[in-house]
Amino acid sequence: GWYRQAPGKQRDLVAIITRGGSTTYVDSVQGRFTISRDNAK
């Protein structure tokens, strides 16, 4: 997945995805960001 850190702030979760395809998004990016994965790669 992806985390982000703005200047002067802590590192926070943006979005994660499991090997099985389950996803979790922080509320502020829901509907705007999409996470995807390629297990083979």
Full PDB file with SEQRES, HELIX, SHEET, SSBOND, CRYST1, ORIGX, SCALE, CONECT and MASTER records, all heavy atoms in Angstrom:
SEQRES   1 A   41  GLY TRP TYR ARG GLN ALA PRO GLY LYS GLN ARG ASP LEU          
SEQRES   2 A   41  VAL ALA ILE ILE THR ARG GLY GLY SER THR THR TYR VAL          
SEQRES   3 A   41  ASP SER VAL GLN GLY ARG PHE THR ILE SER ARG ASP ASN          
SEQRES   4 A   41  ALA LYS                                                      
HELIX    1 AA1 ASP A   27  VAL A   29  5                                   3    
SHEET    1 AA1 3 TRP A   2  ARG A   4  0                                        
SHEET    2 AA1 3 ASP A  12  ILE A  17 -1                                        
SHEET    3 AA1 3 THR A  23  TYR A  25 -1                                        
CRYST1    1.000    1.000    1.000  90.00  90.00  90.00 P 1           1          
ORIGX1      1.000000  0.000000  0.000000        0.00000                         
ORIGX2      0.000000  1.000000  0.000000        0.00000                         
ORIGX3      0.000000  0.000000  1.000000        0.00000                         
SCALE1      1.000000  0.000000  0.000000        0.00000                         
SCALE2      0.000000  1.000000  0.000000        0.00000                         
SCALE3      0.000000  0.000000  1.000000        0.00000                         
ATOM      1  N   GLY A   1       0.792  -1.204   0.000  1.00  0.00           N  
ATOM      2  CA  GLY A   1       0.000   0.000   0.000  1.00  0.00           C  
ATOM      3  C   GLY A   1       0.828   1.258   0.000  1.00  0.00           C  
ATOM      4  O   GLY A   1       2.024   1.241  -0.307  1.00  0.00           O  
ATOM      5  N   TRP A   2       0.154   2.335   0.374  1.00  0.00           N  
ATOM      6  CA  TRP A   2       0.759   3.668   0.331  1.00  0.00           C  
ATOM      7  C   TRP A   2       0.443   4.445   1.603  1.00  0.00           C  
ATOM      8  O   TRP A   2      -0.702   4.425   2.084  1.00  0.00           O  
ATOM      9  CB  TRP A   2       0.220   4.450  -0.869  1.00  0.00           C  
ATOM     10  CG  TRP A   2       0.612   3.844  -2.170  1.00  0.00           C  
ATOM     11  CD1 TRP A   2      -0.076   2.901  -2.882  1.00  0.00           C  
ATOM     12  CD2 TRP A   2       1.809   4.094  -2.902  1.00  0.00           C  
ATOM     13  NE1 TRP A   2       0.617   2.557  -4.012  1.00  0.00           N  
ATOM     14  CE2 TRP A   2       1.772   3.281  -4.059  1.00  0.00           C  
ATOM     15  CE3 TRP A   2       2.908   4.939  -2.727  1.00  0.00           C  
ATOM     16  CZ2 TRP A   2       2.792   3.280  -5.013  1.00  0.00           C  
ATOM     17  CZ3 TRP A   2       3.914   4.940  -3.664  1.00  0.00           C  
ATOM     18  CH2 TRP A   2       3.850   4.119  -4.793  1.00  0.00           C  
ATOM     19  N   TYR A   3       1.464   5.098   2.114  1.00  0.00           N  
ATOM     20  CA  TYR A   3       1.345   6.067   3.192  1.00  0.00           C  
ATOM     21  C   TYR A   3       1.847   7.399   2.648  1.00  0.00           C  
ATOM     22  O   TYR A   3       2.503   7.462   1.615  1.00  0.00           O  
ATOM     23  CB  TYR A   3       2.189   5.636   4.392  1.00  0.00           C  
ATOM     24  CG  TYR A   3       1.577   4.542   5.232  1.00  0.00           C  
ATOM     25  CD1 TYR A   3       1.404   3.251   4.732  1.00  0.00           C  
ATOM     26  CD2 TYR A   3       1.197   4.791   6.545  1.00  0.00           C  
ATOM     27  CE1 TYR A   3       0.837   2.251   5.508  1.00  0.00           C  
ATOM     28  CE2 TYR A   3       0.649   3.805   7.340  1.00  0.00           C  
ATOM     29  CZ  TYR A   3       0.471   2.537   6.815  1.00  0.00           C  
ATOM     30  OH  TYR A   3      -0.082   1.556   7.590  1.00  0.00           O  
ATOM     31  N   ARG A   4       1.542   8.450   3.366  1.00  0.00           N  
ATOM     32  CA  ARG A   4       2.061   9.764   2.974  1.00  0.00           C  
ATOM     33  C   ARG A   4       2.418  10.584   4.196  1.00  0.00           C  
ATOM     34  O   ARG A   4       1.856  10.392   5.281  1.00  0.00           O  
ATOM     35  CB  ARG A   4       1.056  10.512   2.101  1.00  0.00           C  
ATOM     36  CG  ARG A   4      -0.228  10.916   2.795  1.00  0.00           C  
ATOM     37  CD  ARG A   4      -1.215  11.512   1.775  1.00  0.00           C  
ATOM     38  NE  ARG A   4      -2.491  11.884   2.390  1.00  0.00           N  
ATOM     39  CZ  ARG A   4      -3.551  12.285   1.698  1.00  0.00           C  
ATOM     40  NH1 ARG A   4      -3.483  12.388   0.361  1.00  0.00           N  
ATOM     41  NH2 ARG A   4      -4.667  12.600   2.326  1.00  0.00           N  
ATOM     42  N   GLN A   5       3.359  11.509   3.978  1.00  0.00           N  
ATOM     43  CA  GLN A   5       3.806  12.374   5.050  1.00  0.00           C  
ATOM     44  C   GLN A   5       3.964  13.784   4.521  1.00  0.00           C  
ATOM     45  O   GLN A   5       4.794  14.038   3.644  1.00  0.00           O  
ATOM     46  CB  GLN A   5       5.133  11.872   5.635  1.00  0.00           C  
ATOM     47  CG  GLN A   5       5.583  12.615   6.861  1.00  0.00           C  
ATOM     48  CD  GLN A   5       6.740  11.916   7.560  1.00  0.00           C  
ATOM     49  OE1 GLN A   5       7.427  11.084   6.993  1.00  0.00           O  
ATOM     50  NE2 GLN A   5       6.935  12.243   8.829  1.00  0.00           N  
ATOM     51  N   ALA A   6       3.146  14.677   5.052  1.00  0.00           N  
ATOM     52  CA  ALA A   6       3.239  16.088   4.714  1.00  0.00           C  
ATOM     53  C   ALA A   6       4.254  16.753   5.647  1.00  0.00           C  
ATOM     54  O   ALA A   6       4.529  16.238   6.733  1.00  0.00           O  
ATOM     55  CB  ALA A   6       1.879  16.742   4.847  1.00  0.00           C  
ATOM     56  N   PRO A   7       4.815  17.902   5.248  1.00  0.00           N  
ATOM     57  CA  PRO A   7       5.808  18.573   6.087  1.00  0.00           C  
ATOM     58  C   PRO A   7       5.269  18.855   7.490  1.00  0.00           C  
ATOM     59  O   PRO A   7       4.150  19.381   7.639  1.00  0.00           O  
ATOM     60  CB  PRO A   7       6.081  19.865   5.329  1.00  0.00           C  
ATOM     61  CG  PRO A   7       5.777  19.542   3.908  1.00  0.00           C  
ATOM     62  CD  PRO A   7       4.637  18.586   3.956  1.00  0.00           C  
ATOM     63  N   GLY A   8       6.024  18.475   8.483  1.00  0.00           N  
ATOM     64  CA  GLY A   8       5.647  18.736   9.856  1.00  0.00           C  
ATOM     65  C   GLY A   8       4.583  17.820  10.420  1.00  0.00           C  
ATOM     66  O   GLY A   8       4.116  18.027  11.546  1.00  0.00           O  
ATOM     67  N   LYS A   9       4.200  16.802   9.657  1.00  0.00           N  
ATOM     68  CA  LYS A   9       3.147  15.892  10.109  1.00  0.00           C  
ATOM     69  C   LYS A   9       3.670  14.463  10.138  1.00  0.00           C  
ATOM     70  O   LYS A   9       4.713  14.142   9.600  1.00  0.00           O  
ATOM     71  CB  LYS A   9       1.930  15.991   9.196  1.00  0.00           C  
ATOM     72  CG  LYS A   9       1.262  17.364   9.219  1.00  0.00           C  
ATOM     73  CD  LYS A   9      -0.037  17.356   8.439  1.00  0.00           C  
ATOM     74  CE  LYS A   9      -0.737  18.693   8.530  1.00  0.00           C  
ATOM     75  NZ  LYS A   9      -2.025  18.700   7.788  1.00  0.00           N  
ATOM     76  N   GLN A  10       2.906  13.595  10.784  1.00  0.00           N  
ATOM     77  CA  GLN A  10       3.297  12.198  10.860  1.00  0.00           C  
ATOM     78  C   GLN A  10       2.939  11.481   9.568  1.00  0.00           C  
ATOM     79  O   GLN A  10       2.168  11.981   8.749  1.00  0.00           O  
ATOM     80  CB  GLN A  10       2.597  11.525  12.037  1.00  0.00           C  
ATOM     81  CG  GLN A  10       1.078  11.417  11.876  1.00  0.00           C  
ATOM     82  CD  GLN A  10       0.421  10.759  13.075  1.00  0.00           C  
ATOM     83  OE1 GLN A  10       1.007  10.654  14.153  1.00  0.00           O  
ATOM     84  NE2 GLN A  10      -0.799  10.288  12.906  1.00  0.00           N  
ATOM     85  N   ARG A  11       3.512  10.305   9.404  1.00  0.00           N  
ATOM     86  CA  ARG A  11       3.230   9.482   8.232  1.00  0.00           C  
ATOM     87  C   ARG A  11       1.898   8.764   8.459  1.00  0.00           C  
ATOM     88  O   ARG A  11       1.710   8.084   9.466  1.00  0.00           O  
ATOM     89  CB  ARG A  11       4.346   8.466   8.004  1.00  0.00           C  
ATOM     90  CG  ARG A  11       4.243   7.723   6.704  1.00  0.00           C  
ATOM     91  CD  ARG A  11       5.445   6.809   6.496  1.00  0.00           C  
ATOM     92  NE  ARG A  11       6.710   7.548   6.434  1.00  0.00           N  
ATOM     93  CZ  ARG A  11       7.882   6.979   6.153  1.00  0.00           C  
ATOM     94  NH1 ARG A  11       7.931   5.663   5.896  1.00  0.00           N  
ATOM     95  NH2 ARG A  11       8.979   7.698   6.133  1.00  0.00           N  
ATOM     96  N   ASP A  12       0.992   8.931   7.515  1.00  0.00           N  
ATOM     97  CA  ASP A  12      -0.353   8.382   7.661  1.00  0.00           C  
ATOM     98  C   ASP A  12      -0.704   7.455   6.505  1.00  0.00           C  
ATOM     99  O   ASP A  12      -0.241   7.630   5.381  1.00  0.00           O  
ATOM    100  CB  ASP A  12      -1.397   9.506   7.696  1.00  0.00           C  
ATOM    101  CG  ASP A  12      -1.323  10.340   8.957  1.00  0.00           C  
ATOM    102  OD1 ASP A  12      -1.015   9.781  10.028  1.00  0.00           O  
ATOM    103  OD2 ASP A  12      -1.568  11.557   8.873  1.00  0.00           O  
ATOM    104  N   LEU A  13      -1.569   6.527   6.806  1.00  0.00           N  
ATOM    105  CA  LEU A  13      -2.050   5.589   5.793  1.00  0.00           C  
ATOM    106  C   LEU A  13      -2.890   6.321   4.742  1.00  0.00           C  
ATOM    107  O   LEU A  13      -3.692   7.193   5.085  1.00  0.00           O  
ATOM    108  CB  LEU A  13      -2.879   4.502   6.454  1.00  0.00           C  
ATOM    109  CG  LEU A  13      -3.467   3.410   5.544  1.00  0.00           C  
ATOM    110  CD1 LEU A  13      -3.495   2.077   6.293  1.00  0.00           C  
ATOM    111  CD2 LEU A  13      -4.866   3.747   5.071  1.00  0.00           C  
ATOM    112  N   VAL A  14      -2.680   5.955   3.476  1.00  0.00           N  
ATOM    113  CA  VAL A  14      -3.522   6.446   2.396  1.00  0.00           C  
ATOM    114  C   VAL A  14      -4.444   5.325   1.919  1.00  0.00           C  
ATOM    115  O   VAL A  14      -5.656   5.448   1.908  1.00  0.00           O  
ATOM    116  CB  VAL A  14      -2.675   6.954   1.217  1.00  0.00           C  
ATOM    117  CG1 VAL A  14      -3.578   7.391   0.058  1.00  0.00           C  
ATOM    118  CG2 VAL A  14      -1.771   8.091   1.659  1.00  0.00           C  
ATOM    119  N   ALA A  15      -3.828   4.215   1.509  1.00  0.00           N  
ATOM    120  CA  ALA A  15      -4.605   3.074   1.018  1.00  0.00           C  
ATOM    121  C   ALA A  15      -3.730   1.828   1.078  1.00  0.00           C  
ATOM    122  O   ALA A  15      -2.521   1.905   0.852  1.00  0.00           O  
ATOM    123  CB  ALA A  15      -5.078   3.298  -0.414  1.00  0.00           C  
ATOM    124  N   ILE A  16      -4.347   0.710   1.409  1.00  0.00           N  
ATOM    125  CA  ILE A  16      -3.655  -0.569   1.406  1.00  0.00           C  
ATOM    126  C   ILE A  16      -4.519  -1.614   0.723  1.00  0.00           C  
ATOM    127  O   ILE A  16      -5.744  -1.462   0.627  1.00  0.00           O  
ATOM    128  CB  ILE A  16      -3.283  -1.051   2.828  1.00  0.00           C  
ATOM    129  CG1 ILE A  16      -4.513  -1.121   3.715  1.00  0.00           C  
ATOM    130  CG2 ILE A  16      -2.183  -0.198   3.422  1.00  0.00           C  
ATOM    131  CD1 ILE A  16      -4.253  -1.729   5.088  1.00  0.00           C  
ATOM    132  N   ILE A  17      -3.843  -2.663   0.247  1.00  0.00           N  
ATOM    133  CA  ILE A  17      -4.551  -3.752  -0.417  1.00  0.00           C  
ATOM    134  C   ILE A  17      -3.885  -5.059  -0.013  1.00  0.00           C  
ATOM    135  O   ILE A  17      -2.663  -5.150   0.072  1.00  0.00           O  
ATOM    136  CB  ILE A  17      -4.538  -3.565  -1.954  1.00  0.00           C  
ATOM    137  CG1 ILE A  17      -5.406  -4.614  -2.637  1.00  0.00           C  
ATOM    138  CG2 ILE A  17      -3.119  -3.570  -2.522  1.00  0.00           C  
ATOM    139  CD1 ILE A  17      -5.693  -4.291  -4.114  1.00  0.00           C  
ATOM    140  N   THR A  18      -4.691  -6.049   0.279  1.00  0.00           N  
ATOM    141  CA  THR A  18      -4.156  -7.353   0.643  1.00  0.00           C  
ATOM    142  C   THR A  18      -3.882  -8.173  -0.613  1.00  0.00           C  
ATOM    143  O   THR A  18      -4.354  -7.841  -1.711  1.00  0.00           O  
ATOM    144  CB  THR A  18      -5.141  -8.123   1.526  1.00  0.00           C  
ATOM    145  OG1 THR A  18      -6.288  -8.488   0.735  1.00  0.00           O  
ATOM    146  CG2 THR A  18      -5.580  -7.293   2.717  1.00  0.00           C  
ATOM    147  N   ARG A  19      -3.168  -9.250  -0.431  1.00  0.00           N  
ATOM    148  CA  ARG A  19      -2.889 -10.126  -1.553  1.00  0.00           C  
ATOM    149  C   ARG A  19      -4.186 -10.655  -2.152  1.00  0.00           C  
ATOM    150  O   ARG A  19      -4.289 -10.875  -3.354  1.00  0.00           O  
ATOM    151  CB  ARG A  19      -2.003 -11.286  -1.094  1.00  0.00           C  
ATOM    152  CG  ARG A  19      -1.583 -12.202  -2.213  1.00  0.00           C  
ATOM    153  CD  ARG A  19      -0.581 -13.244  -1.736  1.00  0.00           C  
ATOM    154  NE  ARG A  19      -0.256 -14.172  -2.799  1.00  0.00           N  
ATOM    155  CZ  ARG A  19       0.600 -13.911  -3.772  1.00  0.00           C  
ATOM    156  NH1 ARG A  19       1.229 -12.741  -3.804  1.00  0.00           N  
ATOM    157  NH2 ARG A  19       0.838 -14.801  -4.720  1.00  0.00           N  
ATOM    158  N   GLY A  20      -5.199 -10.809  -1.317  1.00  0.00           N  
ATOM    159  CA  GLY A  20      -6.492 -11.285  -1.789  1.00  0.00           C  
ATOM    160  C   GLY A  20      -7.348 -10.217  -2.449  1.00  0.00           C  
ATOM    161  O   GLY A  20      -8.395 -10.534  -3.026  1.00  0.00           O  
ATOM    162  N   GLY A  21      -6.917  -8.958  -2.353  1.00  0.00           N  
ATOM    163  CA  GLY A  21      -7.639  -7.899  -3.042  1.00  0.00           C  
ATOM    164  C   GLY A  21      -8.503  -7.001  -2.171  1.00  0.00           C  
ATOM    165  O   GLY A  21      -9.141  -6.082  -2.683  1.00  0.00           O  
ATOM    166  N   SER A  22      -8.524  -7.239  -0.876  1.00  0.00           N  
ATOM    167  CA  SER A  22      -9.296  -6.363   0.003  1.00  0.00           C  
ATOM    168  C   SER A  22      -8.579  -5.026   0.144  1.00  0.00           C  
ATOM    169  O   SER A  22      -7.361  -4.985   0.288  1.00  0.00           O  
ATOM    170  CB  SER A  22      -9.469  -7.011   1.374  1.00  0.00           C  
ATOM    171  OG  SER A  22     -10.204  -8.219   1.264  1.00  0.00           O  
ATOM    172  N   THR A  23      -9.359  -3.945   0.137  1.00  0.00           N  
ATOM    173  CA  THR A  23      -8.778  -2.603   0.171  1.00  0.00           C  
ATOM    174  C   THR A  23      -9.271  -1.814   1.373  1.00  0.00           C  
ATOM    175  O   THR A  23     -10.380  -2.034   1.884  1.00  0.00           O  
ATOM    176  CB  THR A  23      -9.121  -1.825  -1.108  1.00  0.00           C  
ATOM    177  OG1 THR A  23     -10.544  -1.741  -1.234  1.00  0.00           O  
ATOM    178  CG2 THR A  23      -8.554  -2.517  -2.333  1.00  0.00           C  
ATOM    179  N   THR A  24      -8.440  -0.881   1.793  1.00  0.00           N  
ATOM    180  CA  THR A  24      -8.770   0.071   2.843  1.00  0.00           C  
ATOM    181  C   THR A  24      -8.252   1.432   2.416  1.00  0.00           C  
ATOM    182  O   THR A  24      -7.111   1.541   1.951  1.00  0.00           O  
ATOM    183  CB  THR A  24      -8.127  -0.321   4.181  1.00  0.00           C  
ATOM    184  OG1 THR A  24      -8.602  -1.614   4.582  1.00  0.00           O  
ATOM    185  CG2 THR A  24      -8.457   0.692   5.263  1.00  0.00           C  
ATOM    186  N   TYR A  25      -9.098   2.452   2.566  1.00  0.00           N  
ATOM    187  CA  TYR A  25      -8.731   3.816   2.209  1.00  0.00           C  
ATOM    188  C   TYR A  25      -8.955   4.733   3.404  1.00  0.00           C  
ATOM    189  O   TYR A  25      -9.913   4.551   4.169  1.00  0.00           O  
ATOM    190  CB  TYR A  25      -9.585   4.340   1.056  1.00  0.00           C  
ATOM    191  CG  TYR A  25      -9.419   3.612  -0.252  1.00  0.00           C  
ATOM    192  CD1 TYR A  25     -10.223   2.524  -0.572  1.00  0.00           C  
ATOM    193  CD2 TYR A  25      -8.467   4.026  -1.184  1.00  0.00           C  
ATOM    194  CE1 TYR A  25     -10.077   1.853  -1.779  1.00  0.00           C  
ATOM    195  CE2 TYR A  25      -8.315   3.363  -2.400  1.00  0.00           C  
ATOM    196  CZ  TYR A  25      -9.128   2.282  -2.688  1.00  0.00           C  
ATOM    197  OH  TYR A  25      -8.987   1.631  -3.889  1.00  0.00           O  
ATOM    198  N   VAL A  26      -8.130   5.745   3.532  1.00  0.00           N  
ATOM    199  CA  VAL A  26      -8.423   6.801   4.484  1.00  0.00           C  
ATOM    200  C   VAL A  26      -9.624   7.575   3.944  1.00  0.00           C  
ATOM    201  O   VAL A  26      -9.805   7.698   2.720  1.00  0.00           O  
ATOM    202  CB  VAL A  26      -7.197   7.711   4.687  1.00  0.00           C  
ATOM    203  CG1 VAL A  26      -6.856   8.498   3.437  1.00  0.00           C  
ATOM    204  CG2 VAL A  26      -7.406   8.626   5.879  1.00  0.00           C  
ATOM    205  N   ASP A  27     -10.449   8.076   4.831  1.00  0.00           N  
ATOM    206  CA  ASP A  27     -11.698   8.722   4.407  1.00  0.00           C  
ATOM    207  C   ASP A  27     -11.465   9.866   3.420  1.00  0.00           C  
ATOM    208  O   ASP A  27     -12.255  10.072   2.487  1.00  0.00           O  
ATOM    209  CB  ASP A  27     -12.447   9.255   5.633  1.00  0.00           C  
ATOM    210  CG  ASP A  27     -13.084   8.148   6.446  1.00  0.00           C  
ATOM    211  OD1 ASP A  27     -13.171   7.014   5.943  1.00  0.00           O  
ATOM    212  OD2 ASP A  27     -13.485   8.428   7.591  1.00  0.00           O  
ATOM    213  N   SER A  28     -10.390  10.604   3.595  1.00  0.00           N  
ATOM    214  CA  SER A  28     -10.167  11.803   2.788  1.00  0.00           C  
ATOM    215  C   SER A  28      -9.881  11.504   1.311  1.00  0.00           C  
ATOM    216  O   SER A  28      -9.960  12.407   0.476  1.00  0.00           O  
ATOM    217  CB  SER A  28      -9.022  12.621   3.375  1.00  0.00           C  
ATOM    218  OG  SER A  28      -7.835  11.864   3.390  1.00  0.00           O  
ATOM    219  N   VAL A  29      -9.544  10.261   0.978  1.00  0.00           N  
ATOM    220  CA  VAL A  29      -9.258   9.925  -0.418  1.00  0.00           C  
ATOM    221  C   VAL A  29     -10.305   8.987  -1.008  1.00  0.00           C  
ATOM    222  O   VAL A  29     -10.256   8.688  -2.208  1.00  0.00           O  
ATOM    223  CB  VAL A  29      -7.859   9.307  -0.586  1.00  0.00           C  
ATOM    224  CG1 VAL A  29      -6.802  10.180   0.056  1.00  0.00           C  
ATOM    225  CG2 VAL A  29      -7.791   7.890  -0.049  1.00  0.00           C  
ATOM    226  N   GLN A  30     -11.227   8.525  -0.182  1.00  0.00           N  
ATOM    227  CA  GLN A  30     -12.267   7.609  -0.660  1.00  0.00           C  
ATOM    228  C   GLN A  30     -13.010   8.228  -1.831  1.00  0.00           C  
ATOM    229  O   GLN A  30     -13.438   9.376  -1.771  1.00  0.00           O  
ATOM    230  CB  GLN A  30     -13.237   7.305   0.491  1.00  0.00           C  
ATOM    231  CG  GLN A  30     -14.258   6.237   0.188  1.00  0.00           C  
ATOM    232  CD  GLN A  30     -13.673   4.839   0.292  1.00  0.00           C  
ATOM    233  OE1 GLN A  30     -12.853   4.563   1.157  1.00  0.00           O  
ATOM    234  NE2 GLN A  30     -14.091   3.969  -0.587  1.00  0.00           N  
ATOM    235  N   GLY A  31     -13.149   7.466  -2.899  1.00  0.00           N  
ATOM    236  CA  GLY A  31     -13.844   7.951  -4.090  1.00  0.00           C  
ATOM    237  C   GLY A  31     -12.973   8.713  -5.063  1.00  0.00           C  
ATOM    238  O   GLY A  31     -13.377   8.962  -6.207  1.00  0.00           O  
ATOM    239  N   ARG A  32     -11.769   9.080  -4.636  1.00  0.00           N  
ATOM    240  CA  ARG A  32     -10.854   9.804  -5.529  1.00  0.00           C  
ATOM    241  C   ARG A  32      -9.640   8.951  -5.911  1.00  0.00           C  
ATOM    242  O   ARG A  32      -9.122   9.076  -7.024  1.00  0.00           O  
ATOM    243  CB  ARG A  32     -10.366  11.091  -4.855  1.00  0.00           C  
ATOM    244  CG  ARG A  32     -11.469  12.056  -4.503  1.00  0.00           C  
ATOM    245  CD  ARG A  32     -10.889  13.393  -4.028  1.00  0.00           C  
ATOM    246  NE  ARG A  32     -10.119  13.263  -2.797  1.00  0.00           N  
ATOM    247  CZ  ARG A  32      -8.846  13.635  -2.683  1.00  0.00           C  
ATOM    248  NH1 ARG A  32      -8.191  14.135  -3.713  1.00  0.00           N  
ATOM    249  NH2 ARG A  32      -8.218  13.495  -1.514  1.00  0.00           N  
ATOM    250  N   PHE A  33      -9.185   8.132  -4.990  1.00  0.00           N  
ATOM    251  CA  PHE A  33      -8.002   7.297  -5.209  1.00  0.00           C  
ATOM    252  C   PHE A  33      -8.434   5.841  -5.364  1.00  0.00           C  
ATOM    253  O   PHE A  33      -9.397   5.394  -4.722  1.00  0.00           O  
ATOM    254  CB  PHE A  33      -7.040   7.383  -4.033  1.00  0.00           C  
ATOM    255  CG  PHE A  33      -6.356   8.714  -3.852  1.00  0.00           C  
ATOM    256  CD1 PHE A  33      -6.727   9.844  -4.573  1.00  0.00           C  
ATOM    257  CD2 PHE A  33      -5.316   8.832  -2.939  1.00  0.00           C  
ATOM    258  CE1 PHE A  33      -6.087  11.052  -4.398  1.00  0.00           C  
ATOM    259  CE2 PHE A  33      -4.663  10.046  -2.754  1.00  0.00           C  
ATOM    260  CZ  PHE A  33      -5.061  11.157  -3.472  1.00  0.00           C  
ATOM    261  N   THR A  34      -7.695   5.110  -6.201  1.00  0.00           N  
ATOM    262  CA  THR A  34      -7.946   3.689  -6.379  1.00  0.00           C  
ATOM    263  C   THR A  34      -6.625   2.930  -6.310  1.00  0.00           C  
ATOM    264  O   THR A  34      -5.682   3.258  -7.036  1.00  0.00           O  
ATOM    265  CB  THR A  34      -8.610   3.405  -7.728  1.00  0.00           C  
ATOM    266  OG1 THR A  34      -9.836   4.150  -7.824  1.00  0.00           O  
ATOM    267  CG2 THR A  34      -8.928   1.924  -7.868  1.00  0.00           C  
ATOM    268  N   ILE A  35      -6.577   1.945  -5.435  1.00  0.00           N  
ATOM    269  CA  ILE A  35      -5.379   1.121  -5.311  1.00  0.00           C  
ATOM    270  C   ILE A  35      -5.603  -0.203  -6.032  1.00  0.00           C  
ATOM    271  O   ILE A  35      -6.711  -0.752  -6.012  1.00  0.00           O  
ATOM    272  CB  ILE A  35      -5.032   0.894  -3.812  1.00  0.00           C  
ATOM    273  CG1 ILE A  35      -3.643   0.274  -3.676  1.00  0.00           C  
ATOM    274  CG2 ILE A  35      -6.094   0.058  -3.105  1.00  0.00           C  
ATOM    275  CD1 ILE A  35      -3.121   0.277  -2.240  1.00  0.00           C  
ATOM    276  N   SER A  36      -4.551  -0.682  -6.672  1.00  0.00           N  
ATOM    277  CA  SER A  36      -4.622  -1.965  -7.376  1.00  0.00           C  
ATOM    278  C   SER A  36      -3.289  -2.675  -7.233  1.00  0.00           C  
ATOM    279  O   SER A  36      -2.281  -2.043  -6.905  1.00  0.00           O  
ATOM    280  CB  SER A  36      -4.964  -1.768  -8.855  1.00  0.00           C  
ATOM    281  OG  SER A  36      -4.005  -0.952  -9.481  1.00  0.00           O  
ATOM    282  N   ARG A  37      -3.284  -3.996  -7.476  1.00  0.00           N  
ATOM    283  CA  ARG A  37      -2.036  -4.729  -7.312  1.00  0.00           C  
ATOM    284  C   ARG A  37      -1.897  -5.799  -8.376  1.00  0.00           C  
ATOM    285  O   ARG A  37      -2.874  -6.209  -9.007  1.00  0.00           O  
ATOM    286  CB  ARG A  37      -1.950  -5.339  -5.910  1.00  0.00           C  
ATOM    287  CG  ARG A  37      -2.523  -6.770  -5.748  1.00  0.00           C  
ATOM    288  CD  ARG A  37      -4.015  -6.775  -5.670  1.00  0.00           C  
ATOM    289  NE  ARG A  37      -4.534  -8.091  -5.319  1.00  0.00           N  
ATOM    290  CZ  ARG A  37      -5.421  -8.742  -6.053  1.00  0.00           C  
ATOM    291  NH1 ARG A  37      -5.863  -8.208  -7.195  1.00  0.00           N  
ATOM    292  NH2 ARG A  37      -5.880  -9.918  -5.660  1.00  0.00           N  
ATOM    293  N   ASP A  38      -0.657  -6.217  -8.572  1.00  0.00           N  
ATOM    294  CA  ASP A  38      -0.340  -7.338  -9.457  1.00  0.00           C  
ATOM    295  C   ASP A  38       0.480  -8.307  -8.621  1.00  0.00           C  
ATOM    296  O   ASP A  38       1.652  -8.047  -8.342  1.00  0.00           O  
ATOM    297  CB  ASP A  38       0.434  -6.835 -10.672  1.00  0.00           C  
ATOM    298  CG  ASP A  38       0.695  -7.932 -11.690  1.00  0.00           C  
ATOM    299  OD1 ASP A  38       0.933  -9.087 -11.276  1.00  0.00           O  
ATOM    300  OD2 ASP A  38       0.698  -7.640 -12.884  1.00  0.00           O  
ATOM    301  N   ASN A  39      -0.134  -9.385  -8.233  1.00  0.00           N  
ATOM    302  CA  ASN A  39       0.548 -10.326  -7.337  1.00  0.00           C  
ATOM    303  C   ASN A  39       1.789 -10.935  -7.984  1.00  0.00           C  
ATOM    304  O   ASN A  39       2.810 -11.118  -7.320  1.00  0.00           O  
ATOM    305  CB  ASN A  39      -0.408 -11.433  -6.919  1.00  0.00           C  
ATOM    306  CG  ASN A  39      -1.473 -10.946  -5.956  1.00  0.00           C  
ATOM    307  OD1 ASN A  39      -1.307  -9.919  -5.304  1.00  0.00           O  
ATOM    308  ND2 ASN A  39      -2.568 -11.671  -5.865  1.00  0.00           N  
ATOM    309  N   ALA A  40       1.712 -11.248  -9.248  1.00  0.00           N  
ATOM    310  CA  ALA A  40       2.839 -11.890  -9.924  1.00  0.00           C  
ATOM    311  C   ALA A  40       4.055 -10.966  -9.957  1.00  0.00           C  
ATOM    312  O   ALA A  40       5.191 -11.419  -9.821  1.00  0.00           O  
ATOM    313  CB  ALA A  40       2.444 -12.304 -11.326  1.00  0.00           C  
ATOM    314  N   LYS A  41       3.799  -9.687 -10.127  1.00  0.00           N  
ATOM    315  CA  LYS A  41       4.896  -8.715 -10.203  1.00  0.00           C  
ATOM    316  C   LYS A  41       5.255  -8.143  -8.843  1.00  0.00           C  
ATOM    317  O   LYS A  41       6.230  -7.400  -8.739  1.00  0.00           O  
ATOM    318  CB  LYS A  41       4.510  -7.580 -11.149  1.00  0.00           C  
ATOM    319  CG  LYS A  41       4.318  -8.002 -12.601  1.00  0.00           C  
ATOM    320  CD  LYS A  41       3.954  -6.808 -13.460  1.00  0.00           C  
ATOM    321  CE  LYS A  41       3.771  -7.212 -14.918  1.00  0.00           C  
ATOM    322  NZ  LYS A  41       3.384  -6.049 -15.780  1.00  0.00           N  
TER     323      LYS A  41                                                      
MASTER        0    0    0    1    3    0    0    6  322    1    0    4          
END                                                                             
